[in-house]
Amino acid sequence: MMQLFRRRQTTPVPRPKDSRWLHELHARAANSEDVEVVADLAKVEIIDSNELGELVKIHLQLRRNDRNLVLENVPTLVREVFEMTRVDRLVNVR
């Protein structure tokens, strides 16, 4: 009988993650009546697909109320993710 390759079991390595900025942005978008909700992303080193989806949700929620999401001080790596996913065409990135 032919022996099939056995898959090696791997354990995902948790990476340190701090999504507090996203929770704060959600709160500011919900509680503020400002026309522009500005998020300073200077301390955000990397953004994953879940966070990207949340940003789009916040943007759409604000647009429904004739408001805007503005992202400032976006690091190069995060800006590249926005460009690859075309989020930079949806959200105002300064």
N, C-alpha and C. Protein backbone atom coordinates (compact mmCIF):
# COMPACT_ATOMS: atom_id res chain seq x y z
N MET A 1 0.84 -1.17 0.00
CA MET A 1 0.00 0.00 0.00
C MET A 1 0.89 1.24 0.00
N MET A 2 0.49 2.22 -0.76
CA MET A 2 1.26 3.45 -0.84
C MET A 2 0.98 4.33 0.38
N GLN A 3 2.04 4.85 0.96
CA GLN A 3 1.87 5.69 2.14
C GLN A 3 1.70 7.14 1.70
N LEU A 4 0.66 7.75 2.22
CA LEU A 4 0.40 9.15 1.91
C LEU A 4 1.18 10.04 2.87
N PHE A 5 1.50 11.21 2.41
CA PHE A 5 2.19 12.14 3.28
C PHE A 5 1.26 12.59 4.39
N ARG A 6 1.82 12.65 5.54
CA ARG A 6 1.04 13.09 6.69
C ARG A 6 1.28 14.58 6.90
N ARG A 7 0.24 15.29 7.14
CA ARG A 7 0.39 16.73 7.39
C ARG A 7 1.01 16.96 8.76
N ARG A 8 1.94 17.87 8.76
CA ARG A 8 2.51 18.28 10.03
C ARG A 8 1.53 19.17 10.74
N GLN A 9 1.37 18.95 12.00
CA GLN A 9 0.49 19.83 12.76
C GLN A 9 1.26 21.10 13.11
N THR A 10 0.62 22.20 12.87
CA THR A 10 1.24 23.47 13.19
C THR A 10 0.34 24.24 14.14
N THR A 11 0.97 25.03 14.92
CA THR A 11 0.25 25.88 15.85
C THR A 11 0.46 27.33 15.43
N PRO A 12 -0.61 28.06 15.21
CA PRO A 12 -0.42 29.45 14.82
C PRO A 12 0.26 30.23 15.93
N VAL A 13 1.18 31.06 15.53
CA VAL A 13 1.90 31.88 16.49
C VAL A 13 1.13 33.18 16.65
N PRO A 14 0.67 33.44 17.86
CA PRO A 14 -0.08 34.68 18.04
C PRO A 14 0.86 35.87 17.91
N ARG A 15 0.42 36.87 17.17
CA ARG A 15 1.26 38.06 17.07
C ARG A 15 0.68 39.12 17.98
N PRO A 16 1.54 39.91 18.56
CA PRO A 16 1.01 40.95 19.43
C PRO A 16 0.16 41.91 18.62
N LYS A 17 -1.00 42.20 19.09
CA LYS A 17 -1.93 43.01 18.33
C LYS A 17 -2.64 43.95 19.27
N ASP A 18 -2.76 45.17 18.86
CA ASP A 18 -3.48 46.15 19.66
C ASP A 18 -4.46 46.87 18.75
N SER A 19 -5.71 46.49 18.82
CA SER A 19 -6.73 47.09 17.96
C SER A 19 -7.52 48.16 18.70
N ARG A 20 -6.93 48.68 19.75
CA ARG A 20 -7.62 49.72 20.51
C ARG A 20 -7.98 50.91 19.64
N TRP A 21 -7.10 51.24 18.69
CA TRP A 21 -7.34 52.38 17.81
C TRP A 21 -8.63 52.21 17.03
N LEU A 22 -8.93 50.97 16.67
CA LEU A 22 -10.13 50.70 15.89
C LEU A 22 -11.38 50.84 16.77
N HIS A 23 -11.29 50.37 18.01
CA HIS A 23 -12.41 50.51 18.95
C HIS A 23 -12.67 51.98 19.24
N GLU A 24 -11.60 52.75 19.40
CA GLU A 24 -11.75 54.18 19.65
C GLU A 24 -12.37 54.88 18.44
N LEU A 25 -11.99 54.44 17.24
CA LEU A 25 -12.55 55.03 16.03
C LEU A 25 -14.04 54.71 15.91
N HIS A 26 -14.41 53.48 16.24
CA HIS A 26 -15.83 53.10 16.25
C HIS A 26 -16.61 54.01 17.19
N ALA A 27 -16.08 54.20 18.40
CA ALA A 27 -16.75 55.03 19.40
C ALA A 27 -16.86 56.48 18.93
N ARG A 28 -15.77 57.00 18.37
CA ARG A 28 -15.78 58.39 17.90
C ARG A 28 -16.79 58.56 16.76
N ALA A 29 -16.85 57.60 15.87
CA ALA A 29 -17.79 57.68 14.75
C ALA A 29 -19.24 57.63 15.24
N ALA A 30 -19.48 56.84 16.26
CA ALA A 30 -20.85 56.69 16.78
C ALA A 30 -21.27 57.87 17.65
N ASN A 31 -20.34 58.42 18.42
CA ASN A 31 -20.70 59.43 19.41
C ASN A 31 -20.48 60.87 18.96
N SER A 32 -19.70 61.07 17.94
CA SER A 32 -19.39 62.41 17.47
C SER A 32 -20.39 62.84 16.42
N GLU A 33 -20.62 64.14 16.34
CA GLU A 33 -21.49 64.66 15.29
C GLU A 33 -20.68 65.42 14.26
N ASP A 34 -19.36 65.30 14.32
CA ASP A 34 -18.50 65.99 13.36
C ASP A 34 -18.75 65.46 11.96
N VAL A 35 -18.63 66.35 10.98
CA VAL A 35 -18.80 65.96 9.58
C VAL A 35 -17.64 65.07 9.15
N GLU A 36 -16.44 65.37 9.64
CA GLU A 36 -15.25 64.57 9.34
C GLU A 36 -14.77 63.87 10.60
N VAL A 37 -14.67 62.57 10.54
CA VAL A 37 -14.08 61.80 11.63
C VAL A 37 -12.66 61.47 11.20
N VAL A 38 -11.68 62.02 11.91
CA VAL A 38 -10.27 61.88 11.53
C VAL A 38 -9.61 60.83 12.42
N ALA A 39 -8.92 59.89 11.78
CA ALA A 39 -8.18 58.85 12.50
C ALA A 39 -6.70 59.01 12.21
N ASP A 40 -5.90 59.12 13.26
CA ASP A 40 -4.45 59.21 13.12
C ASP A 40 -3.89 57.79 13.22
N LEU A 41 -3.36 57.28 12.11
CA LEU A 41 -2.86 55.91 12.07
C LEU A 41 -1.34 55.83 12.22
N ALA A 42 -0.72 56.85 12.75
CA ALA A 42 0.74 56.89 12.86
C ALA A 42 1.30 55.71 13.64
N LYS A 43 0.58 55.21 14.63
CA LYS A 43 1.09 54.11 15.46
C LYS A 43 0.65 52.73 14.99
N VAL A 44 -0.10 52.68 13.90
CA VAL A 44 -0.57 51.40 13.36
C VAL A 44 0.51 50.86 12.42
N GLU A 45 1.13 49.75 12.81
CA GLU A 45 2.23 49.20 12.03
C GLU A 45 1.76 48.30 10.91
N ILE A 46 0.67 47.59 11.15
CA ILE A 46 0.15 46.64 10.17
C ILE A 46 -1.36 46.55 10.34
N ILE A 47 -2.03 46.23 9.26
CA ILE A 47 -3.48 46.13 9.31
C ILE A 47 -3.90 44.81 8.66
N ASP A 48 -4.77 44.08 9.32
CA ASP A 48 -5.19 42.79 8.75
C ASP A 48 -6.56 42.95 8.07
N SER A 49 -7.02 41.90 7.46
CA SER A 49 -8.25 41.96 6.67
C SER A 49 -9.47 42.28 7.53
N ASN A 50 -9.50 41.81 8.77
CA ASN A 50 -10.63 42.11 9.65
C ASN A 50 -10.68 43.60 9.95
N GLU A 51 -9.53 44.18 10.25
CA GLU A 51 -9.47 45.61 10.54
C GLU A 51 -9.81 46.43 9.30
N LEU A 52 -9.36 45.96 8.16
CA LEU A 52 -9.67 46.63 6.90
C LEU A 52 -11.19 46.64 6.67
N GLY A 53 -11.81 45.51 6.93
CA GLY A 53 -13.26 45.41 6.80
C GLY A 53 -13.98 46.33 7.77
N GLU A 54 -13.47 46.44 8.99
CA GLU A 54 -14.07 47.33 9.97
C GLU A 54 -13.96 48.79 9.53
N LEU A 55 -12.82 49.16 8.96
CA LEU A 55 -12.66 50.53 8.45
C LEU A 55 -13.68 50.83 7.36
N VAL A 56 -13.89 49.87 6.48
CA VAL A 56 -14.87 50.06 5.42
C VAL A 56 -16.27 50.18 6.01
N LYS A 57 -16.59 49.38 7.02
CA LYS A 57 -17.90 49.46 7.68
C LYS A 57 -18.11 50.84 8.30
N ILE A 58 -17.08 51.33 8.98
CA ILE A 58 -17.17 52.66 9.60
C ILE A 58 -17.38 53.71 8.52
N HIS A 59 -16.62 53.61 7.45
CA HIS A 59 -16.75 54.55 6.33
C HIS A 59 -18.18 54.54 5.79
N LEU A 60 -18.72 53.37 5.53
CA LEU A 60 -20.08 53.27 4.97
C LEU A 60 -21.12 53.80 5.94
N GLN A 61 -20.94 53.52 7.22
CA GLN A 61 -21.85 54.03 8.24
C GLN A 61 -21.84 55.56 8.26
N LEU A 62 -20.65 56.13 8.19
CA LEU A 62 -20.54 57.59 8.18
C LEU A 62 -21.15 58.18 6.91
N ARG A 63 -20.89 57.56 5.76
CA ARG A 63 -21.41 58.07 4.49
C ARG A 63 -22.94 58.08 4.47
N ARG A 64 -23.56 57.08 5.10
CA ARG A 64 -25.02 57.05 5.17
C ARG A 64 -25.58 58.29 5.87
N ASN A 65 -24.76 58.87 6.73
CA ASN A 65 -25.17 60.06 7.49
C ASN A 65 -24.49 61.33 6.95
N ASP A 66 -24.05 61.28 5.71
CA ASP A 66 -23.38 62.42 5.05
C ASP A 66 -22.16 62.91 5.82
N ARG A 67 -21.39 61.96 6.31
CA ARG A 67 -20.16 62.27 7.04
C ARG A 67 -19.00 61.55 6.36
N ASN A 68 -17.77 61.93 6.71
CA ASN A 68 -16.59 61.36 6.06
C ASN A 68 -15.61 60.79 7.07
N LEU A 69 -14.92 59.75 6.64
CA LEU A 69 -13.81 59.19 7.40
C LEU A 69 -12.53 59.64 6.73
N VAL A 70 -11.62 60.21 7.52
CA VAL A 70 -10.33 60.68 7.02
C VAL A 70 -9.24 59.96 7.79
N LEU A 71 -8.29 59.36 7.07
CA LEU A 71 -7.17 58.66 7.69
C LEU A 71 -5.91 59.48 7.47
N GLU A 72 -5.25 59.84 8.57
CA GLU A 72 -4.04 60.66 8.49
C GLU A 72 -2.83 59.91 9.02
N ASN A 73 -1.65 60.37 8.60
CA ASN A 73 -0.36 59.82 9.05
C ASN A 73 -0.29 58.31 8.86
N VAL A 74 -0.70 57.87 7.70
CA VAL A 74 -0.74 56.44 7.41
C VAL A 74 0.67 55.95 7.07
N PRO A 75 1.20 54.97 7.83
CA PRO A 75 2.53 54.43 7.54
C PRO A 75 2.59 53.78 6.14
N THR A 76 3.77 53.70 5.60
CA THR A 76 3.97 53.19 4.24
C THR A 76 3.37 51.81 4.02
N LEU A 77 3.64 50.88 4.94
CA LEU A 77 3.15 49.52 4.78
C LEU A 77 1.61 49.49 4.77
N VAL A 78 1.00 50.23 5.65
CA VAL A 78 -0.46 50.28 5.70
C VAL A 78 -1.01 50.96 4.45
N ARG A 79 -0.34 52.03 4.00
CA ARG A 79 -0.76 52.72 2.78
C ARG A 79 -0.71 51.77 1.58
N GLU A 80 0.32 50.92 1.52
CA GLU A 80 0.42 49.95 0.42
C GLU A 80 -0.74 48.96 0.44
N VAL A 81 -1.15 48.55 1.64
CA VAL A 81 -2.30 47.65 1.76
C VAL A 81 -3.55 48.37 1.26
N PHE A 82 -3.71 49.64 1.64
CA PHE A 82 -4.86 50.41 1.15
C PHE A 82 -4.85 50.51 -0.37
N GLU A 83 -3.67 50.71 -0.95
CA GLU A 83 -3.57 50.82 -2.41
C GLU A 83 -3.87 49.50 -3.10
N MET A 84 -3.33 48.40 -2.56
CA MET A 84 -3.56 47.08 -3.16
C MET A 84 -5.02 46.68 -3.11
N THR A 85 -5.69 47.04 -2.02
CA THR A 85 -7.10 46.67 -1.86
C THR A 85 -8.04 47.76 -2.37
N ARG A 86 -7.45 48.86 -2.82
CA ARG A 86 -8.18 50.02 -3.36
C ARG A 86 -9.04 50.73 -2.32
N VAL A 87 -8.75 50.51 -1.08
CA VAL A 87 -9.46 51.23 -0.01
C VAL A 87 -9.13 52.71 -0.09
N ASP A 88 -7.94 53.04 -0.59
CA ASP A 88 -7.55 54.45 -0.71
C ASP A 88 -8.43 55.22 -1.69
N ARG A 89 -9.15 54.51 -2.56
CA ARG A 89 -10.10 55.15 -3.47
C ARG A 89 -11.45 55.37 -2.83
N LEU A 90 -11.68 54.67 -1.74
CA LEU A 90 -12.95 54.74 -1.03
C LEU A 90 -12.89 55.74 0.12
N VAL A 91 -11.83 55.63 0.90
CA VAL A 91 -11.65 56.44 2.11
C VAL A 91 -10.63 57.53 1.82
N ASN A 92 -10.83 58.69 2.40
CA ASN A 92 -9.89 59.81 2.23
C ASN A 92 -8.63 59.53 3.05
N VAL A 93 -7.51 59.27 2.36
CA VAL A 93 -6.24 59.00 3.01
C VAL A 93 -5.32 60.21 2.77
N ARG A 94 -4.94 60.86 3.85
CA ARG A 94 -4.06 62.04 3.73
C ARG A 94 -2.66 61.71 4.18
